[in-house]
Amino acid sequence: MTAPAASPCINICQMDETSGLCSGCLRTLDEIAFWSVLDEEDKRQVWRQLEARRIQAVQALQALQAQPASKP
């Protein structure tokens, strides 16, 4: 038997207006609101989506950092 899926919340609860994701856990408002009623498979699916979102966020940050600095 596998352990229950833990909440992804890290107590940094601030929604990013542009992405619609929590800056702390990267969940949507719906994922946050429905977490307590999701079954274990749905919670694990959210966790898989969060990992993909983290990878995308890191890649986007790396792309920004790789751009040459603009000259004033």
Protein backbone atom coordinates (compact mmCIF):
# COMPACT_ATOMS: atom_id res chain seq x y z
CA MET A 1 0.00 0.00 0.00
CA THR A 2 1.35 3.44 -0.90
CA ALA A 3 1.35 6.40 1.45
CA PRO A 4 -1.34 9.04 1.00
CA ALA A 5 -0.36 11.93 -1.26
CA ALA A 6 0.78 14.87 0.83
CA SER A 7 -0.41 18.37 0.11
CA PRO A 8 1.99 20.34 -2.10
CA CYS A 9 1.37 23.48 -0.03
CA ILE A 10 4.56 25.10 1.31
CA ASN A 11 2.79 27.99 3.05
CA ILE A 12 3.79 30.58 0.47
CA CYS A 13 0.27 31.31 -0.68
CA GLN A 14 0.24 34.03 -3.30
CA MET A 15 -1.50 33.75 -6.62
CA ASP A 16 0.34 34.98 -9.70
CA GLU A 17 -2.16 36.91 -11.82
CA THR A 18 -0.34 36.20 -15.07
CA SER A 19 -0.04 32.43 -14.74
CA GLY A 20 -3.00 31.79 -12.44
CA LEU A 21 -0.74 29.62 -10.28
CA CYS A 22 0.23 29.84 -6.64
CA SER A 23 3.80 31.14 -6.39
CA GLY A 24 4.51 28.64 -3.63
CA CYS A 25 3.09 25.31 -4.79
CA LEU A 26 2.29 26.06 -8.46
CA ARG A 27 -1.31 24.86 -8.13
CA THR A 28 -4.34 26.55 -9.66
CA LEU A 29 -7.11 27.88 -7.43
CA ASP A 30 -9.27 24.89 -8.38
CA GLU A 31 -6.50 22.43 -7.49
CA ILE A 32 -6.08 24.14 -4.13
CA ALA A 33 -9.82 24.37 -3.43
CA PHE A 34 -10.57 20.75 -4.35
CA TRP A 35 -7.44 19.12 -2.88
CA SER A 36 -9.23 17.79 0.21
CA VAL A 37 -11.90 16.01 -1.84
CA LEU A 38 -9.67 14.55 -4.56
CA ASP A 39 -9.04 10.82 -4.48
CA GLU A 40 -5.45 9.58 -4.22
CA GLU A 41 -5.01 9.04 -7.97
CA ASP A 42 -6.21 12.57 -8.73
CA LYS A 43 -3.84 13.97 -6.11
CA ARG A 44 -0.97 12.06 -7.70
CA GLN A 45 -1.98 13.45 -11.09
CA VAL A 46 -1.80 16.98 -9.66
CA TRP A 47 1.69 16.18 -8.34
CA ARG A 48 2.73 15.03 -11.85
CA GLN A 49 1.40 18.27 -13.31
CA LEU A 50 3.28 20.28 -10.68
CA GLU A 51 6.54 18.60 -11.63
CA ALA A 52 5.94 19.48 -15.29
CA ARG A 53 5.16 23.09 -14.28
CA ARG A 54 8.37 23.30 -12.24
CA ILE A 55 10.40 22.07 -15.21
CA GLN A 56 8.73 24.65 -17.47
CA ALA A 57 9.38 27.41 -14.93
CA VAL A 58 13.07 26.51 -14.66
CA GLN A 59 13.41 26.36 -18.44
CA ALA A 60 11.73 29.76 -18.83
CA LEU A 61 14.03 31.27 -16.21
CA GLN A 62 17.09 29.78 -17.88
CA ALA A 63 15.97 31.18 -21.24
CA LEU A 64 15.58 34.64 -19.72
CA GLN A 65 18.99 34.44 -18.11
CA ALA A 66 20.59 33.34 -21.37
CA GLN A 67 19.36 36.44 -23.22
CA PRO A 68 22.00 39.12 -23.66
CA ALA A 69 21.60 42.11 -21.39
CA SER A 70 19.99 45.06 -23.12
CA LYS A 71 22.04 48.22 -23.36
CA PRO A 72 20.50 51.43 -22.02
